[in-house]
All heavy atoms as atom14 arrays in JSON, in Angstrom:
{
  "sequence": "QQKREAITTAATELFLDRGYDGTSLARIAEAAGVSKSTLFKRFPTKA",
  "atom14_mask": [
    [1, 1, 1, 1, 1, 1, 1, 1, 1, 0, 0, 0, 0, 0],
    [1, 1, 1, 1, 1, 1, 1, 1, 1, 0, 0, 0, 0, 0],
    [1, 1, 1, 1, 1, 1, 1, 1, 1, 0, 0, 0, 0, 0],
    [1, 1, 1, 1, 1, 1, 1, 1, 1, 1, 1, 0, 0, 0],
    [1, 1, 1, 1, 1, 1, 1, 1, 1, 0, 0, 0, 0, 0],
    [1, 1, 1, 1, 1, 0, 0, 0, 0, 0, 0, 0, 0, 0],
    [1, 1, 1, 1, 1, 1, 1, 1, 0, 0, 0, 0, 0, 0],
    [1, 1, 1, 1, 1, 1, 1, 0, 0, 0, 0, 0, 0, 0],
    [1, 1, 1, 1, 1, 1, 1, 0, 0, 0, 0, 0, 0, 0],
    [1, 1, 1, 1, 1, 0, 0, 0, 0, 0, 0, 0, 0, 0],
    [1, 1, 1, 1, 1, 0, 0, 0, 0, 0, 0, 0, 0, 0],
    [1, 1, 1, 1, 1, 1, 1, 0, 0, 0, 0, 0, 0, 0],
    [1, 1, 1, 1, 1, 1, 1, 1, 1, 0, 0, 0, 0, 0],
    [1, 1, 1, 1, 1, 1, 1, 1, 0, 0, 0, 0, 0, 0],
    [1, 1, 1, 1, 1, 1, 1, 1, 1, 1, 1, 0, 0, 0],
    [1, 1, 1, 1, 1, 1, 1, 1, 0, 0, 0, 0, 0, 0],
    [1, 1, 1, 1, 1, 1, 1, 1, 0, 0, 0, 0, 0, 0],
    [1, 1, 1, 1, 1, 1, 1, 1, 1, 1, 1, 0, 0, 0],
    [1, 1, 1, 1, 0, 0, 0, 0, 0, 0, 0, 0, 0, 0],
    [1, 1, 1, 1, 1, 1, 1, 1, 1, 1, 1, 1, 0, 0],
    [1, 1, 1, 1, 1, 1, 1, 1, 0, 0, 0, 0, 0, 0],
    [1, 1, 1, 1, 0, 0, 0, 0, 0, 0, 0, 0, 0, 0],
    [1, 1, 1, 1, 1, 1, 1, 0, 0, 0, 0, 0, 0, 0],
    [1, 1, 1, 1, 1, 1, 0, 0, 0, 0, 0, 0, 0, 0],
    [1, 1, 1, 1, 1, 1, 1, 1, 0, 0, 0, 0, 0, 0],
    [1, 1, 1, 1, 1, 0, 0, 0, 0, 0, 0, 0, 0, 0],
    [1, 1, 1, 1, 1, 1, 1, 1, 1, 1, 1, 0, 0, 0],
    [1, 1, 1, 1, 1, 1, 1, 1, 0, 0, 0, 0, 0, 0],
    [1, 1, 1, 1, 1, 0, 0, 0, 0, 0, 0, 0, 0, 0],
    [1, 1, 1, 1, 1, 1, 1, 1, 1, 0, 0, 0, 0, 0],
    [1, 1, 1, 1, 1, 0, 0, 0, 0, 0, 0, 0, 0, 0],
    [1, 1, 1, 1, 1, 0, 0, 0, 0, 0, 0, 0, 0, 0],
    [1, 1, 1, 1, 0, 0, 0, 0, 0, 0, 0, 0, 0, 0],
    [1, 1, 1, 1, 1, 1, 1, 0, 0, 0, 0, 0, 0, 0],
    [1, 1, 1, 1, 1, 1, 0, 0, 0, 0, 0, 0, 0, 0],
    [1, 1, 1, 1, 1, 1, 1, 1, 1, 0, 0, 0, 0, 0],
    [1, 1, 1, 1, 1, 1, 0, 0, 0, 0, 0, 0, 0, 0],
    [1, 1, 1, 1, 1, 1, 1, 0, 0, 0, 0, 0, 0, 0],
    [1, 1, 1, 1, 1, 1, 1, 1, 0, 0, 0, 0, 0, 0],
    [1, 1, 1, 1, 1, 1, 1, 1, 1, 1, 1, 0, 0, 0],
    [1, 1, 1, 1, 1, 1, 1, 1, 1, 0, 0, 0, 0, 0],
    [1, 1, 1, 1, 1, 1, 1, 1, 1, 1, 1, 0, 0, 0],
    [1, 1, 1, 1, 1, 1, 1, 1, 1, 1, 1, 0, 0, 0],
    [1, 1, 1, 1, 1, 1, 1, 0, 0, 0, 0, 0, 0, 0],
    [1, 1, 1, 1, 1, 1, 1, 0, 0, 0, 0, 0, 0, 0],
    [1, 1, 1, 1, 1, 1, 1, 1, 1, 0, 0, 0, 0, 0],
    [1, 1, 1, 1, 1, 0, 0, 0, 0, 0, 0, 0, 0, 0]
  ],
  "atom14_positions": [
    [[-13.59, 2.93, -4.15], [-12.7, 3.87, -4.82], [-11.88, 4.65, -3.8], [-10.67, 4.9, -4.02], [-13.52, 4.82, -5.69], [-12.68, 5.81, -6.5], [-11.7, 5.13, -7.44], [-11.98, 4.04, -7.95], [-10.57, 5.77, -7.67], [0.0, 0.0, 0.0], [0.0, 0.0, 0.0], [0.0, 0.0, 0.0], [0.0, 0.0, 0.0], [0.0, 0.0, 0.0]],
    [[-12.49, 5.03, -2.69], [-11.75, 5.76, -1.66], [-10.63, 4.91, -1.08], [-9.52, 5.41, -0.83], [-12.72, 6.2, -0.55], [-13.67, 7.32, -0.96], [-14.76, 7.59, 0.05], [-14.83, 6.91, 1.09], [-15.63, 8.53, -0.24], [0.0, 0.0, 0.0], [0.0, 0.0, 0.0], [0.0, 0.0, 0.0], [0.0, 0.0, 0.0], [0.0, 0.0, 0.0]],
    [[-10.93, 3.64, -0.85], [-9.9, 2.74, -0.33], [-8.76, 2.55, -1.32], [-7.59, 2.54, -0.98], [-10.51, 1.38, 0.03], [-11.37, 1.41, 1.27], [-11.94, 0.02, 1.6], [-12.8, 0.07, 2.84], [-13.34, -1.27, 3.2], [0.0, 0.0, 0.0], [0.0, 0.0, 0.0], [0.0, 0.0, 0.0], [0.0, 0.0, 0.0], [0.0, 0.0, 0.0]],
    [[-9.15, 2.42, -2.61], [-8.12, 2.26, -3.64], [-7.21, 3.48, -3.71], [-6.0, 3.37, -3.81], [-8.8, 2.02, -4.99], [-7.83, 1.76, -6.14], [-8.58, 1.61, -7.46], [-7.66, 1.34, -8.55], [-7.29, 0.13, -8.94], [-7.74, -0.95, -8.31], [-6.45, -0.03, -9.95], [0.0, 0.0, 0.0], [0.0, 0.0, 0.0], [0.0, 0.0, 0.0]],
    [[-7.82, 4.67, -3.64], [-7.02, 5.9, -3.69], [-6.14, 6.03, -2.46], [-4.99, 6.48, -2.56], [-7.95, 7.11, -3.81], [-8.64, 7.2, -5.17], [-9.63, 8.35, -5.24], [-9.83, 9.02, -4.19], [-10.22, 8.56, -6.31], [0.0, 0.0, 0.0], [0.0, 0.0, 0.0], [0.0, 0.0, 0.0], [0.0, 0.0, 0.0], [0.0, 0.0, 0.0]],
    [[-6.65, 5.62, -1.31], [-5.84, 5.67, -0.08], [-4.63, 4.72, -0.2], [-3.52, 5.07, 0.22], [-6.7, 5.25, 1.14], [0.0, 0.0, 0.0], [0.0, 0.0, 0.0], [0.0, 0.0, 0.0], [0.0, 0.0, 0.0], [0.0, 0.0, 0.0], [0.0, 0.0, 0.0], [0.0, 0.0, 0.0], [0.0, 0.0, 0.0], [0.0, 0.0, 0.0]],
    [[-4.84, 3.56, -0.81], [-3.74, 2.6, -0.96], [-2.7, 3.12, -1.93], [-1.5, 3.09, -1.64], [-4.31, 1.26, -1.46], [-5.13, 0.58, -0.36], [-3.19, 0.32, -1.89], [-5.95, -0.61, -0.83], [0.0, 0.0, 0.0], [0.0, 0.0, 0.0], [0.0, 0.0, 0.0], [0.0, 0.0, 0.0], [0.0, 0.0, 0.0], [0.0, 0.0, 0.0]],
    [[-3.12, 3.62, -3.1], [-2.14, 4.08, -4.08], [-1.41, 5.33, -3.59], [-0.21, 5.49, -3.84], [-2.82, 4.37, -5.43], [-3.89, 5.3, -5.26], [-3.36, 3.07, -6.05], [0.0, 0.0, 0.0], [0.0, 0.0, 0.0], [0.0, 0.0, 0.0], [0.0, 0.0, 0.0], [0.0, 0.0, 0.0], [0.0, 0.0, 0.0], [0.0, 0.0, 0.0]],
    [[-2.1, 6.2, -2.85], [-1.45, 7.39, -2.31], [-0.4, 6.98, -1.26], [0.73, 7.5, -1.28], [-2.47, 8.34, -1.68], [-3.38, 8.78, -2.7], [-1.79, 9.56, -1.07], [0.0, 0.0, 0.0], [0.0, 0.0, 0.0], [0.0, 0.0, 0.0], [0.0, 0.0, 0.0], [0.0, 0.0, 0.0], [0.0, 0.0, 0.0], [0.0, 0.0, 0.0]],
    [[-0.78, 6.12, -0.35], [0.15, 5.66, 0.67], [1.36, 4.95, 0.06], [2.5, 5.14, 0.48], [-0.56, 4.73, 1.65], [0.0, 0.0, 0.0], [0.0, 0.0, 0.0], [0.0, 0.0, 0.0], [0.0, 0.0, 0.0], [0.0, 0.0, 0.0], [0.0, 0.0, 0.0], [0.0, 0.0, 0.0], [0.0, 0.0, 0.0], [0.0, 0.0, 0.0]],
    [[1.09, 4.13, -0.96], [2.18, 3.4, -1.6], [3.16, 4.34, -2.28], [4.38, 4.19, -2.17], [1.61, 2.41, -2.63], [0.0, 0.0, 0.0], [0.0, 0.0, 0.0], [0.0, 0.0, 0.0], [0.0, 0.0, 0.0], [0.0, 0.0, 0.0], [0.0, 0.0, 0.0], [0.0, 0.0, 0.0], [0.0, 0.0, 0.0], [0.0, 0.0, 0.0]],
    [[2.62, 5.34, -2.97], [3.51, 6.32, -3.64], [4.39, 7.03, -2.64], [5.6, 7.18, -2.85], [2.65, 7.34, -4.43], [1.88, 6.65, -5.41], [3.54, 8.35, -5.13], [0.0, 0.0, 0.0], [0.0, 0.0, 0.0], [0.0, 0.0, 0.0], [0.0, 0.0, 0.0], [0.0, 0.0, 0.0], [0.0, 0.0, 0.0], [0.0, 0.0, 0.0]],
    [[3.81, 7.47, -1.52], [4.58, 8.18, -0.51], [5.64, 7.28, 0.11], [6.79, 7.72, 0.33], [3.64, 8.73, 0.55], [2.7, 9.82, 0.05], [1.67, 10.25, 1.07], [1.6, 9.6, 2.15], [0.94, 11.22, 0.81], [0.0, 0.0, 0.0], [0.0, 0.0, 0.0], [0.0, 0.0, 0.0], [0.0, 0.0, 0.0], [0.0, 0.0, 0.0]],
    [[5.29, 6.04, 0.38], [6.24, 5.12, 1.0], [7.34, 4.7, 0.03], [8.51, 4.58, 0.41], [5.52, 3.9, 1.56], [4.69, 4.15, 2.81], [3.82, 2.93, 3.12], [5.61, 4.42, 3.99], [0.0, 0.0, 0.0], [0.0, 0.0, 0.0], [0.0, 0.0, 0.0], [0.0, 0.0, 0.0], [0.0, 0.0, 0.0], [0.0, 0.0, 0.0]],
    [[6.97, 4.46, -1.23], [7.97, 4.12, -2.23], [9.0, 5.26, -2.36], [10.2, 5.01, -2.5], [7.35, 3.86, -3.6], [6.56, 2.59, -3.7], [5.55, 2.44, -4.63], [6.82, 1.51, -2.88], [4.83, 1.27, -4.74], [6.13, 0.33, -2.96], [5.11, 0.21, -3.9], [0.0, 0.0, 0.0], [0.0, 0.0, 0.0], [0.0, 0.0, 0.0]],
    [[8.51, 6.46, -2.29], [9.4, 7.63, -2.44], [10.25, 7.81, -1.2], [11.45, 8.14, -1.29], [8.55, 8.89, -2.66], [9.26, 10.16, -3.1], [9.97, 9.95, -4.43], [8.27, 11.3, -3.21], [0.0, 0.0, 0.0], [0.0, 0.0, 0.0], [0.0, 0.0, 0.0], [0.0, 0.0, 0.0], [0.0, 0.0, 0.0], [0.0, 0.0, 0.0]],
    [[9.68, 7.55, -0.02], [10.4, 7.76, 1.23], [11.35, 6.61, 1.57], [12.49, 6.82, 1.98], [9.39, 7.97, 2.36], [10.07, 8.28, 3.69], [10.97, 9.13, 3.71], [9.67, 7.67, 4.7], [0.0, 0.0, 0.0], [0.0, 0.0, 0.0], [0.0, 0.0, 0.0], [0.0, 0.0, 0.0], [0.0, 0.0, 0.0], [0.0, 0.0, 0.0]],
    [[10.86, 5.36, 1.42], [11.62, 4.19, 1.85], [12.22, 3.38, 0.7], [13.01, 2.47, 0.94], [10.72, 3.27, 2.68], [10.2, 3.88, 3.97], [9.11, 3.04, 4.58], [8.69, 3.55, 5.88], [8.99, 2.93, 7.04], [9.65, 1.8, 7.04], [8.6, 3.46, 8.18], [0.0, 0.0, 0.0], [0.0, 0.0, 0.0], [0.0, 0.0, 0.0]],
    [[11.82, 3.73, -0.51], [12.24, 2.92, -1.65], [11.28, 1.8, -1.94], [10.55, 1.35, -1.04], [0.0, 0.0, 0.0], [0.0, 0.0, 0.0], [0.0, 0.0, 0.0], [0.0, 0.0, 0.0], [0.0, 0.0, 0.0], [0.0, 0.0, 0.0], [0.0, 0.0, 0.0], [0.0, 0.0, 0.0], [0.0, 0.0, 0.0], [0.0, 0.0, 0.0]],
    [[11.3, 1.34, -3.18], [10.39, 0.25, -3.57], [10.71, -1.01, -2.81], [9.82, -1.69, -2.25], [10.54, 0.03, -5.07], [9.65, -1.05, -5.66], [8.32, -0.8, -5.94], [10.15, -2.31, -5.93], [7.5, -1.77, -6.49], [9.35, -3.3, -6.48], [8.02, -3.03, -6.75], [7.22, -3.99, -7.29], [0.0, 0.0, 0.0], [0.0, 0.0, 0.0]],
    [[11.98, -1.36, -2.72], [12.39, -2.59, -2.04], [12.15, -2.51, -0.55], [11.86, -3.53, 0.1], [13.87, -2.85, -2.33], [14.31, -4.25, -1.89], [13.5, -5.18, -2.04], [15.44, -4.38, -1.38], [0.0, 0.0, 0.0], [0.0, 0.0, 0.0], [0.0, 0.0, 0.0], [0.0, 0.0, 0.0], [0.0, 0.0, 0.0], [0.0, 0.0, 0.0]],
    [[12.28, -1.31, 0.03], [12.14, -1.18, 1.47], [10.72, -1.0, 1.96], [10.52, -0.72, 3.15], [0.0, 0.0, 0.0], [0.0, 0.0, 0.0], [0.0, 0.0, 0.0], [0.0, 0.0, 0.0], [0.0, 0.0, 0.0], [0.0, 0.0, 0.0], [0.0, 0.0, 0.0], [0.0, 0.0, 0.0], [0.0, 0.0, 0.0], [0.0, 0.0, 0.0]],
    [[9.76, -1.12, 1.08], [8.36, -0.93, 1.46], [7.6, -2.26, 1.3], [7.62, -2.87, 0.23], [7.7, 0.12, 0.58], [8.4, 1.36, 0.71], [6.24, 0.32, 0.96], [0.0, 0.0, 0.0], [0.0, 0.0, 0.0], [0.0, 0.0, 0.0], [0.0, 0.0, 0.0], [0.0, 0.0, 0.0], [0.0, 0.0, 0.0], [0.0, 0.0, 0.0]],
    [[6.98, -2.68, 2.38], [6.18, -3.91, 2.32], [4.71, -3.6, 2.11], [4.24, -2.49, 2.41], [6.33, -4.7, 3.63], [5.73, -3.97, 4.7], [0.0, 0.0, 0.0], [0.0, 0.0, 0.0], [0.0, 0.0, 0.0], [0.0, 0.0, 0.0], [0.0, 0.0, 0.0], [0.0, 0.0, 0.0], [0.0, 0.0, 0.0], [0.0, 0.0, 0.0]],
    [[3.97, -4.58, 1.6], [2.54, -4.39, 1.43], [1.84, -4.21, 2.78], [0.86, -3.46, 2.89], [1.95, -5.57, 0.68], [2.27, -5.66, -0.82], [1.69, -6.94, -1.43], [1.75, -4.45, -1.57], [0.0, 0.0, 0.0], [0.0, 0.0, 0.0], [0.0, 0.0, 0.0], [0.0, 0.0, 0.0], [0.0, 0.0, 0.0], [0.0, 0.0, 0.0]],
    [[2.37, -4.88, 3.81], [1.77, -4.72, 5.12], [1.91, -3.27, 5.62], [0.98, -2.72, 6.21], [2.43, -5.69, 6.1], [0.0, 0.0, 0.0], [0.0, 0.0, 0.0], [0.0, 0.0, 0.0], [0.0, 0.0, 0.0], [0.0, 0.0, 0.0], [0.0, 0.0, 0.0], [0.0, 0.0, 0.0], [0.0, 0.0, 0.0], [0.0, 0.0, 0.0]],
    [[3.08, -2.68, 5.35], [3.3, -1.29, 5.76], [2.38, -0.35, 4.99], [1.88, 0.63, 5.52], [4.76, -0.93, 5.53], [5.12, 0.5, 5.95], [5.1, 0.64, 7.45], [5.32, 2.02, 7.88], [4.37, 2.91, 8.05], [3.1, 2.59, 7.78], [4.63, 4.13, 8.45], [0.0, 0.0, 0.0], [0.0, 0.0, 0.0], [0.0, 0.0, 0.0]],
    [[2.16, -0.64, 3.71], [1.26, 0.19, 2.89], [-0.17, 0.1, 3.42], [-0.85, 1.11, 3.54], [1.34, -0.27, 1.43], [2.71, 0.05, 0.83], [0.24, 0.44, 0.6], [2.95, -0.55, -0.54], [0.0, 0.0, 0.0], [0.0, 0.0, 0.0], [0.0, 0.0, 0.0], [0.0, 0.0, 0.0], [0.0, 0.0, 0.0], [0.0, 0.0, 0.0]],
    [[-0.6, -1.1, 3.79], [-1.96, -1.28, 4.33], [-2.11, -0.46, 5.61], [-3.15, 0.22, 5.8], [-2.22, -2.75, 4.6], [0.0, 0.0, 0.0], [0.0, 0.0, 0.0], [0.0, 0.0, 0.0], [0.0, 0.0, 0.0], [0.0, 0.0, 0.0], [0.0, 0.0, 0.0], [0.0, 0.0, 0.0], [0.0, 0.0, 0.0], [0.0, 0.0, 0.0]],
    [[-1.1, -0.49, 6.46], [-1.17, 0.27, 7.72], [-1.25, 1.77, 7.44], [-2.08, 2.48, 8.05], [0.08, -0.03, 8.56], [0.12, 0.73, 9.89], [1.4, 0.44, 10.65], [2.18, -0.43, 10.24], [1.63, 1.12, 11.68], [0.0, 0.0, 0.0], [0.0, 0.0, 0.0], [0.0, 0.0, 0.0], [0.0, 0.0, 0.0], [0.0, 0.0, 0.0]],
    [[-0.43, 2.27, 6.52], [-0.41, 3.7, 6.21], [-1.71, 4.14, 5.55], [-2.14, 5.27, 5.71], [0.77, 4.02, 5.3], [0.0, 0.0, 0.0], [0.0, 0.0, 0.0], [0.0, 0.0, 0.0], [0.0, 0.0, 0.0], [0.0, 0.0, 0.0], [0.0, 0.0, 0.0], [0.0, 0.0, 0.0], [0.0, 0.0, 0.0], [0.0, 0.0, 0.0]],
    [[-2.33, 3.25, 4.76], [-3.57, 3.57, 4.04], [-4.8, 3.44, 4.94], [-5.89, 3.88, 4.57], [-3.73, 2.67, 2.83], [0.0, 0.0, 0.0], [0.0, 0.0, 0.0], [0.0, 0.0, 0.0], [0.0, 0.0, 0.0], [0.0, 0.0, 0.0], [0.0, 0.0, 0.0], [0.0, 0.0, 0.0], [0.0, 0.0, 0.0], [0.0, 0.0, 0.0]],
    [[-4.63, 2.8, 6.12], [-5.76, 2.63, 7.01], [-6.71, 1.54, 6.55], [-7.92, 1.64, 6.8], [0.0, 0.0, 0.0], [0.0, 0.0, 0.0], [0.0, 0.0, 0.0], [0.0, 0.0, 0.0], [0.0, 0.0, 0.0], [0.0, 0.0, 0.0], [0.0, 0.0, 0.0], [0.0, 0.0, 0.0], [0.0, 0.0, 0.0], [0.0, 0.0, 0.0]],
    [[-6.19, 0.53, 5.87], [-7.02, -0.59, 5.42], [-6.43, -1.88, 5.96], [-5.25, -1.93, 6.35], [-7.15, -0.64, 3.89], [-7.73, 0.63, 3.34], [-5.78, -0.94, 3.25], [0.0, 0.0, 0.0], [0.0, 0.0, 0.0], [0.0, 0.0, 0.0], [0.0, 0.0, 0.0], [0.0, 0.0, 0.0], [0.0, 0.0, 0.0], [0.0, 0.0, 0.0]],
    [[-7.21, -2.94, 5.95], [-6.69, -4.23, 6.4], [-5.79, -4.85, 5.34], [-5.87, -4.49, 4.15], [-7.86, -5.19, 6.67], [-8.52, -5.52, 5.47], [0.0, 0.0, 0.0], [0.0, 0.0, 0.0], [0.0, 0.0, 0.0], [0.0, 0.0, 0.0], [0.0, 0.0, 0.0], [0.0, 0.0, 0.0], [0.0, 0.0, 0.0], [0.0, 0.0, 0.0]],
    [[-4.91, -5.73, 5.79], [-4.02, -6.4, 4.82], [-4.85, -7.24, 3.84], [-4.48, -7.33, 2.67], [-3.0, -7.27, 5.57], [-1.92, -6.45, 6.27], [-0.83, -7.33, 6.86], [-1.3, -7.99, 8.14], [-0.2, -8.7, 8.8], [0.0, 0.0, 0.0], [0.0, 0.0, 0.0], [0.0, 0.0, 0.0], [0.0, 0.0, 0.0], [0.0, 0.0, 0.0]],
    [[-5.92, -7.83, 4.3], [-6.75, -8.65, 3.41], [-7.37, -7.78, 2.32], [-7.47, -8.21, 1.16], [-7.82, -9.38, 4.18], [-8.71, -8.46, 4.83], [0.0, 0.0, 0.0], [0.0, 0.0, 0.0], [0.0, 0.0, 0.0], [0.0, 0.0, 0.0], [0.0, 0.0, 0.0], [0.0, 0.0, 0.0], [0.0, 0.0, 0.0], [0.0, 0.0, 0.0]],
    [[-7.78, -6.56, 2.69], [-8.35, -5.65, 1.68], [-7.32, -5.28, 0.64], [-7.58, -5.3, -0.56], [-8.85, -4.36, 2.38], [-9.94, -4.69, 3.24], [-9.32, -3.34, 1.34], [0.0, 0.0, 0.0], [0.0, 0.0, 0.0], [0.0, 0.0, 0.0], [0.0, 0.0, 0.0], [0.0, 0.0, 0.0], [0.0, 0.0, 0.0], [0.0, 0.0, 0.0]],
    [[-6.1, -4.98, 1.09], [-5.04, -4.62, 0.14], [-4.69, -5.81, -0.75], [-4.57, -5.66, -1.98], [-3.8, -4.13, 0.89], [-2.68, -3.57, 0.0], [-1.97, -2.42, 0.71], [-1.65, -4.63, -0.38], [0.0, 0.0, 0.0], [0.0, 0.0, 0.0], [0.0, 0.0, 0.0], [0.0, 0.0, 0.0], [0.0, 0.0, 0.0], [0.0, 0.0, 0.0]],
    [[-4.48, -6.99, -0.16], [-4.06, -8.15, -0.95], [-5.15, -8.58, -1.93], [-4.86, -9.14, -2.98], [-3.69, -9.31, -0.02], [-2.3, -9.2, 0.55], [-2.12, -8.81, 1.87], [-1.19, -9.5, -0.21], [-0.87, -8.68, 2.41], [0.09, -9.4, 0.32], [0.26, -8.98, 1.63], [0.0, 0.0, 0.0], [0.0, 0.0, 0.0], [0.0, 0.0, 0.0]],
    [[-6.4, -8.33, -1.57], [-7.49, -8.67, -2.48], [-7.4, -7.85, -3.76], [-7.69, -8.34, -4.85], [-8.84, -8.45, -1.78], [-10.03, -8.8, -2.65], [-11.32, -8.58, -1.87], [-12.54, -8.91, -2.73], [-13.81, -8.68, -1.99], [0.0, 0.0, 0.0], [0.0, 0.0, 0.0], [0.0, 0.0, 0.0], [0.0, 0.0, 0.0], [0.0, 0.0, 0.0]],
    [[-7.02, -6.57, -3.61], [-6.93, -5.68, -4.77], [-5.56, -5.77, -5.45], [-5.49, -5.71, -6.68], [-7.18, -4.23, -4.33], [-8.61, -3.94, -3.94], [-8.75, -2.62, -3.21], [-10.14, -2.23, -3.03], [-10.97, -2.75, -2.14], [-10.51, -3.7, -1.34], [-12.23, -2.36, -2.04], [0.0, 0.0, 0.0], [0.0, 0.0, 0.0], [0.0, 0.0, 0.0]],
    [[-4.51, -5.88, -4.66], [-3.15, -5.9, -5.2], [-2.36, -7.01, -4.54], [-1.76, -6.81, -3.47], [-2.47, -4.55, -4.94], [-3.24, -3.35, -5.41], [-3.9, -2.51, -4.5], [-3.38, -3.08, -6.77], [-4.61, -1.42, -4.93], [-4.1, -1.98, -7.21], [-4.73, -1.16, -6.29], [0.0, 0.0, 0.0], [0.0, 0.0, 0.0], [0.0, 0.0, 0.0]],
    [[-2.32, -8.17, -5.15], [-1.66, -9.32, -4.52], [-0.13, -9.18, -4.46], [0.51, -9.86, -3.67], [-2.06, -10.49, -5.42], [-2.47, -9.9, -6.71], [-3.05, -8.57, -6.37], [0.0, 0.0, 0.0], [0.0, 0.0, 0.0], [0.0, 0.0, 0.0], [0.0, 0.0, 0.0], [0.0, 0.0, 0.0], [0.0, 0.0, 0.0], [0.0, 0.0, 0.0]],
    [[0.44, -8.29, -5.27], [1.89, -8.09, -5.26], [2.21, -6.58, -5.35], [1.36, -5.79, -5.75], [2.56, -8.81, -6.45], [2.11, -8.16, -7.68], [2.23, -10.27, -6.5], [0.0, 0.0, 0.0], [0.0, 0.0, 0.0], [0.0, 0.0, 0.0], [0.0, 0.0, 0.0], [0.0, 0.0, 0.0], [0.0, 0.0, 0.0], [0.0, 0.0, 0.0]],
    [[3.44, -6.25, -4.97], [3.86, -4.86, -5.1], [3.9, -4.45, -6.56], [3.61, -3.3, -6.91], [5.24, -4.66, -4.48], [5.22, -4.28, -3.03], [6.54, -3.69, -2.57], [7.68, -4.67, -2.66], [8.94, -4.13, -2.03], [0.0, 0.0, 0.0], [0.0, 0.0, 0.0], [0.0, 0.0, 0.0], [0.0, 0.0, 0.0], [0.0, 0.0, 0.0]],
    [[4.28, -5.38, -7.42], [4.33, -5.07, -8.85], [2.95, -4.69, -9.38], [2.8, -3.77, -10.17], [4.89, -6.25, -9.63], [0.0, 0.0, 0.0], [0.0, 0.0, 0.0], [0.0, 0.0, 0.0], [0.0, 0.0, 0.0], [0.0, 0.0, 0.0], [0.0, 0.0, 0.0], [0.0, 0.0, 0.0], [0.0, 0.0, 0.0], [0.0, 0.0, 0.0]]
  ]
}
């Protein structure tokens, strides 16, 4: 749950700062402090 909250919080901040199109899942994983595999396992797409 902590990892999920970190991902959604980081994504919200990046979407707001860089735009939806300008934000990659890899950048969200980095900002959330989780591995890309962890993020893709939970959210395979930005949508």
